[in-house]
Amino acid sequence: MAQILFLFGLYVFGVYFGTLFKREIPVYVIASSGFLWGALFWVIGGIVTLMISIPYTPVSMAVYFSLLLLGFGILHARNQTWHFSRVDFLDLLPAVVLFTLVLILTSQFNFSYVSSDSISQLTTGRRIAYEGFSAGVIEELSLRGVFLSQLQSASVFLKVDYLVALQPAFGISFIGSFFFLSYHILSRLISNQRLAWVLAILGGLATFSTYFVVFQFFYIHNSLISAVYLFVAVVGFWLASIEKEDSWMILGTLALLGFSLARNEAPLFGLIFLVPV
C-alpha cells in the first residue's frame, strides 16, 4: 500500500504541475503524462539534496515538495489555472482511474523481470538512501545513470524491497502519452477527427503490441524510462515549433532532462535537439 500511495502521489503532483499549462496543452495530455513530471521532480530533488549535503530523508523530501506545492500554487493563483471545468474533469478522470488500477494490480501481482543490471540499479538505489553519493555509489551511477536508482531509493523510506509498480507506471504513462500526443498531432494534420482517433489507436496498437515493448513494462531497467522521456521531448519540441506555444517547449525541455538523467550517454543524443536547424 505504501508504494501505491507514493507513486500515486507523484502522479497527482505531476498533474498538479502540468495543469499550469492547461490553457495551451490539452488536459488529456497532462493527465496521461502526469507521472513523468512527478517522478522527474523526485529525482531532481534527491540529486540536489545530496549535492548540497542536506540529509536525504523523507523529511527533507517532504519539505522540498511542500515548497514546490507552494510555488506552483502561487503560479496557479496568479494565472487562474486552478479552476477545472466539467470537460476538464471528464478528460482527467479516466486517466486517474486507469493509472490507479495499474498501480493496484501490478503491486498485487508482481510480474517484474530482473537481470544483473536490474539488481545493480536496485542495490545502488538502496545505497543512495543509506550512503548518499559516496564514492562507490558515484562509480555505479557513472555506469548506468541516476534516474532509476534515485527513484528506487524511495523503497528504503517505504520499507519495501523495491518499487514493484514503478516500471508499469512508466509503461502506462508511455501508452497514454503516445496515444494522446499522436491524436493531438493527427487532429491538426487531418480534418476528420474520427479518423484521427482511429489512426492514433492503430498506431498505439502497432507500437505496444510487440513482445519486446510489453517486456519492457516489467523489466527493471532504464530503457523504458529513457524511451518515454525521449518521445515526449521530441514531440514537445516539434509541437513548440508548429504551435508556437512556450508550454510545449517547457515540457519538452523537462522531458529532455529526464532522458538525460536516465542514461549516461543520453546528454550526447540530447545535444541533437539543441542544435539550431
Protein backbone atom coordinates (compact mmCIF):
# COMPACT_ATOMS: atom_id res chain seq x y z
CA MET A 1 0.00 0.00 0.00
CA ALA A 2 2.86 2.38 0.83
CA GLN A 3 4.33 2.25 -2.66
CA ILE A 4 0.90 2.68 -4.25
CA LEU A 5 0.35 5.87 -2.27
CA PHE A 6 3.87 7.07 -3.06
CA LEU A 7 3.62 6.50 -6.81
CA PHE A 8 0.08 7.87 -6.94
CA GLY A 9 1.29 10.91 -5.01
CA LEU A 10 3.97 11.53 -7.64
CA TYR A 11 1.31 11.21 -10.33
CA VAL A 12 -1.02 13.71 -8.63
CA PHE A 13 1.86 16.12 -8.13
CA GLY A 14 2.81 15.82 -11.80
CA VAL A 15 -0.77 16.56 -12.88
CA TYR A 16 -0.85 19.50 -10.44
CA PHE A 17 2.27 20.86 -12.12
CA GLY A 18 1.09 20.09 -15.65
CA THR A 19 -2.21 21.94 -15.22
CA LEU A 20 -0.22 25.16 -15.09
CA PHE A 21 -0.18 24.79 -18.89
CA LYS A 22 -3.75 23.57 -19.46
CA ARG A 23 -4.67 26.66 -21.48
CA GLU A 24 -2.17 25.67 -24.16
CA ILE A 25 -1.89 21.91 -23.66
CA PRO A 26 -4.95 19.60 -23.63
CA VAL A 27 -5.85 18.23 -20.19
CA TYR A 28 -5.86 14.66 -21.53
CA VAL A 29 -2.18 15.05 -22.45
CA ILE A 30 -1.40 16.42 -18.99
CA ALA A 31 -3.36 13.59 -17.33
CA SER A 32 -1.57 10.87 -19.29
CA SER A 33 1.92 12.26 -18.67
CA GLY A 34 1.49 13.38 -15.06
CA PHE A 35 3.63 10.63 -13.56
CA LEU A 36 6.57 11.62 -15.75
CA TRP A 37 6.76 15.05 -14.16
CA GLY A 38 6.19 13.87 -10.60
CA ALA A 39 8.91 11.23 -10.93
CA LEU A 40 11.27 13.75 -12.51
CA PHE A 41 10.80 16.25 -9.67
CA TRP A 42 11.51 13.49 -7.13
CA VAL A 43 14.77 12.61 -8.88
CA ILE A 44 15.80 16.25 -9.20
CA GLY A 45 15.03 16.87 -5.53
CA GLY A 46 17.03 13.85 -4.42
CA ILE A 47 20.03 14.83 -6.54
CA VAL A 48 20.02 18.45 -5.40
CA THR A 49 19.54 17.47 -1.76
CA LEU A 50 22.53 15.14 -1.83
CA MET A 51 24.72 17.54 -3.82
CA ILE A 52 24.28 20.36 -1.31
CA SER A 53 24.89 17.99 1.62
CA ILE A 54 21.37 18.06 3.04
CA PRO A 55 20.41 14.70 4.60
CA TYR A 56 18.40 12.70 2.09
CA THR A 57 15.45 11.68 4.26
CA PRO A 58 11.64 11.55 3.98
CA VAL A 59 11.52 14.80 5.94
CA SER A 60 13.86 16.69 3.60
CA MET A 61 11.96 15.43 0.56
CA ALA A 62 8.63 16.36 2.17
CA VAL A 63 9.93 19.89 2.75
CA TYR A 64 11.16 20.06 -0.85
CA PHE A 65 7.80 19.02 -2.28
CA SER A 66 5.96 21.34 0.10
CA LEU A 67 7.97 24.27 -1.24
CA LEU A 68 7.20 23.18 -4.80
CA LEU A 69 3.50 22.87 -3.97
CA LEU A 70 3.53 26.38 -2.53
CA GLY A 71 5.38 27.79 -5.52
CA PHE A 72 3.13 26.11 -8.07
CA GLY A 73 0.10 27.14 -6.03
CA ILE A 74 1.13 30.78 -6.29
CA LEU A 75 1.51 30.36 -10.07
CA HIS A 76 -1.92 28.70 -10.27
CA ALA A 77 -3.48 31.57 -8.36
CA ARG A 78 -1.72 34.19 -10.48
CA ASN A 79 -2.59 32.53 -13.79
CA GLN A 80 -6.09 31.46 -12.72
CA THR A 81 -5.38 27.88 -13.79
CA TRP A 82 -6.70 26.29 -10.61
CA HIS A 83 -10.27 26.19 -11.94
CA PHE A 84 -11.41 22.96 -13.63
CA SER A 85 -14.39 22.83 -15.93
CA ARG A 86 -16.64 19.79 -16.32
CA VAL A 87 -14.86 18.94 -19.57
CA ASP A 88 -11.50 19.10 -17.79
CA PHE A 89 -12.70 16.63 -15.15
CA LEU A 90 -14.02 14.29 -17.84
CA ASP A 91 -10.62 14.38 -19.57
CA LEU A 92 -8.78 13.83 -16.30
CA LEU A 93 -10.89 11.17 -14.60
CA PRO A 94 -10.27 8.19 -16.96
CA ALA A 95 -6.50 8.65 -16.76
CA VAL A 96 -6.59 8.86 -12.96
CA VAL A 97 -8.73 5.72 -12.67
CA LEU A 98 -6.59 3.75 -15.15
CA PHE A 99 -3.32 4.78 -13.51
CA THR A 100 -4.67 3.81 -10.08
CA LEU A 101 -5.84 0.41 -11.32
CA VAL A 102 -2.44 -0.28 -12.89
CA LEU A 103 -0.69 0.55 -9.60
CA ILE A 104 -3.00 -1.69 -7.60
CA LEU A 105 -2.84 -4.65 -9.97
CA THR A 106 0.91 -4.56 -10.56
CA SER A 107 1.67 -4.19 -6.87
CA GLN A 108 -0.53 -7.19 -6.05
CA PHE A 109 0.70 -9.37 -8.92
CA ASN A 110 4.43 -8.95 -9.34
CA PHE A 111 5.39 -9.57 -12.96
CA SER A 112 8.80 -7.91 -12.62
CA TYR A 113 11.72 -9.29 -14.59
CA VAL A 114 15.23 -8.70 -13.29
CA SER A 115 18.71 -9.13 -14.68
CA SER A 116 22.16 -8.45 -13.27
CA ASP A 117 21.78 -4.82 -14.39
CA SER A 118 18.45 -4.62 -12.57
CA ILE A 119 19.97 -5.89 -9.34
CA SER A 120 22.84 -3.43 -9.63
CA GLN A 121 20.48 -0.49 -10.07
CA LEU A 122 18.22 -1.60 -7.22
CA THR A 123 21.22 -2.09 -4.95
CA THR A 124 22.59 1.31 -5.89
CA GLY A 125 19.23 2.88 -5.11
CA ARG A 126 19.24 1.43 -1.60
CA ARG A 127 22.83 2.56 -1.13
CA ILE A 128 21.82 6.11 -2.10
CA ALA A 129 19.30 6.16 0.76
CA TYR A 130 21.92 4.93 3.26
CA GLU A 131 25.19 6.38 1.95
CA GLY A 132 24.23 9.30 -0.26
CA PHE A 133 26.58 9.99 -3.14
CA SER A 134 29.52 8.05 -1.73
CA ALA A 135 32.47 7.15 -3.93
CA GLY A 136 31.11 3.67 -4.51
CA VAL A 137 27.64 4.96 -5.41
CA ILE A 138 29.02 7.53 -7.83
CA GLU A 139 31.09 4.80 -9.51
CA GLU A 140 27.93 2.72 -10.03
CA LEU A 141 25.91 5.71 -11.28
CA SER A 142 28.66 6.52 -13.77
CA LEU A 143 27.90 3.19 -15.46
CA ARG A 144 24.10 3.24 -15.64
CA GLY A 145 22.65 6.67 -14.92
CA VAL A 146 20.97 8.10 -11.84
CA PHE A 147 17.24 8.24 -12.62
CA LEU A 148 16.09 4.70 -11.84
CA SER A 149 18.33 4.23 -8.83
CA GLN A 150 17.29 7.59 -7.36
CA LEU A 151 13.62 6.67 -7.70
CA GLN A 152 14.12 3.18 -6.30
CA SER A 153 15.93 4.66 -3.30
CA ALA A 154 12.47 5.63 -2.01
CA SER A 155 11.89 1.91 -1.30
CA VAL A 156 14.08 2.29 1.79
CA PHE A 157 11.82 5.06 3.11
CA LEU A 158 8.75 2.97 2.34
CA LYS A 159 10.26 -0.16 3.93
CA VAL A 160 9.81 -2.34 0.87
CA ASP A 161 12.38 -4.31 -1.12
CA TYR A 162 11.83 -2.29 -4.28
CA LEU A 163 9.08 -0.41 -6.11
CA VAL A 164 7.32 -3.24 -7.92
CA ALA A 165 4.83 -0.97 -9.69
CA LEU A 166 7.37 1.60 -10.89
CA GLN A 167 8.04 0.16 -14.35
CA PRO A 168 4.32 -0.43 -15.09
CA ALA A 169 3.66 3.17 -14.01
CA PHE A 170 6.09 4.36 -16.67
CA GLY A 171 4.60 1.86 -19.09
CA ILE A 172 1.01 3.13 -18.77
CA SER A 173 2.33 6.71 -18.92
CA PHE A 174 4.11 5.87 -22.18
CA ILE A 175 0.97 4.32 -23.66
CA GLY A 176 -1.22 7.27 -22.66
CA SER A 177 1.29 9.90 -23.78
CA PHE A 178 1.87 8.14 -27.10
CA PHE A 179 -1.83 7.77 -27.83
CA PHE A 180 -2.96 11.28 -26.88
CA LEU A 181 0.02 13.07 -28.39
CA SER A 182 -0.48 11.08 -31.59
CA TYR A 183 -4.13 12.09 -31.64
CA HIS A 184 -3.22 15.72 -30.92
CA ILE A 185 -0.84 15.78 -33.86
CA LEU A 186 -3.15 13.90 -36.24
CA SER A 187 -6.12 16.12 -35.39
CA ARG A 188 -4.14 19.06 -36.75
CA LEU A 189 -2.97 17.29 -39.88
CA ILE A 190 -6.32 15.85 -40.96
CA SER A 191 -9.79 17.36 -40.72
CA ASN A 192 -11.63 14.10 -39.92
CA GLN A 193 -11.45 13.76 -36.12
CA ARG A 194 -12.78 10.19 -36.12
CA LEU A 195 -10.04 9.17 -38.49
CA ALA A 196 -7.51 10.84 -36.22
CA TRP A 197 -8.75 8.73 -33.29
CA VAL A 198 -8.63 5.56 -35.38
CA LEU A 199 -5.10 6.23 -36.60
CA ALA A 200 -3.92 7.05 -33.07
CA ILE A 201 -5.39 3.78 -31.78
CA LEU A 202 -3.88 1.74 -34.62
CA GLY A 203 -0.51 3.43 -34.12
CA GLY A 204 -0.63 2.65 -30.41
CA LEU A 205 -1.57 -0.98 -31.02
CA ALA A 206 1.21 -1.38 -33.56
CA THR A 207 3.75 0.13 -31.18
CA PHE A 208 2.79 -1.50 -27.91
CA SER A 209 1.60 -4.94 -29.03
CA THR A 210 5.03 -6.47 -29.65
CA TYR A 211 6.57 -8.72 -27.02
CA PHE A 212 9.74 -6.63 -26.85
CA VAL A 213 7.84 -3.50 -25.81
CA VAL A 214 5.48 -5.27 -23.40
CA PHE A 215 8.50 -6.94 -21.81
CA GLN A 216 9.98 -3.50 -21.06
CA PHE A 217 6.92 -2.61 -18.95
CA PHE A 218 8.04 -5.16 -16.36
CA TYR A 219 11.80 -5.22 -16.87
CA ILE A 220 13.54 -3.24 -14.14
CA HIS A 221 15.88 -1.16 -16.24
CA ASN A 222 16.31 2.40 -17.51
CA SER A 223 15.46 1.60 -21.16
CA LEU A 224 11.71 2.24 -20.84
CA ILE A 225 12.27 5.38 -18.78
CA SER A 226 14.67 6.88 -21.30
CA ALA A 227 12.34 5.94 -24.19
CA VAL A 228 9.25 7.66 -22.83
CA TYR A 229 11.11 10.85 -21.92
CA LEU A 230 12.83 10.93 -25.31
CA PHE A 231 9.49 10.50 -27.10
CA VAL A 232 7.82 13.30 -25.14
CA ALA A 233 10.85 15.55 -25.66
CA VAL A 234 10.85 15.08 -29.44
CA VAL A 235 7.10 15.62 -29.74
CA GLY A 236 7.19 18.57 -27.34
CA PHE A 237 9.88 20.37 -29.33
CA TRP A 238 8.10 19.66 -32.61
CA LEU A 239 4.77 20.96 -31.33
CA ALA A 240 6.50 24.03 -29.88
CA SER A 241 7.79 24.89 -33.35
CA ILE A 242 4.42 24.20 -35.00
CA GLU A 243 2.02 25.74 -32.49
CA LYS A 244 4.36 28.48 -31.24
CA GLU A 245 3.44 27.73 -27.62
CA ASP A 246 6.08 28.06 -24.90
CA SER A 247 4.31 25.44 -22.78
CA TRP A 248 5.30 22.68 -25.20
CA MET A 249 8.89 23.90 -25.08
CA ILE A 250 8.89 23.76 -21.27
CA LEU A 251 7.55 20.20 -21.17
CA GLY A 252 9.91 19.18 -23.97
CA THR A 253 12.87 20.59 -22.06
CA LEU A 254 11.83 18.81 -18.85
CA ALA A 255 11.41 15.56 -20.78
CA LEU A 256 14.87 16.03 -22.30
CA LEU A 257 16.23 16.49 -18.78
CA GLY A 258 14.56 13.26 -17.70
CA PHE A 259 16.04 11.48 -20.71
CA SER A 260 19.48 12.89 -19.90
CA LEU A 261 19.30 11.62 -16.30
CA ALA A 262 18.12 8.16 -17.32
CA ARG A 263 21.25 7.09 -19.20
CA ASN A 264 24.80 8.41 -19.12
CA GLU A 265 25.09 8.66 -22.89
CA ALA A 266 21.72 10.42 -23.23
CA PRO A 267 23.07 14.01 -22.96
CA LEU A 268 25.11 13.40 -26.12
CA PHE A 269 21.94 12.47 -28.01
CA GLY A 270 20.14 15.37 -26.35
CA LEU A 271 22.56 17.81 -27.97
CA ILE A 272 20.94 17.00 -31.31
CA PHE A 273 17.76 18.79 -30.21
CA LEU A 274 19.69 21.85 -29.07
CA VAL A 275 21.40 22.42 -32.42
CA PRO A 276 19.52 25.08 -34.42
CA VAL A 277 18.18 23.89 -37.77
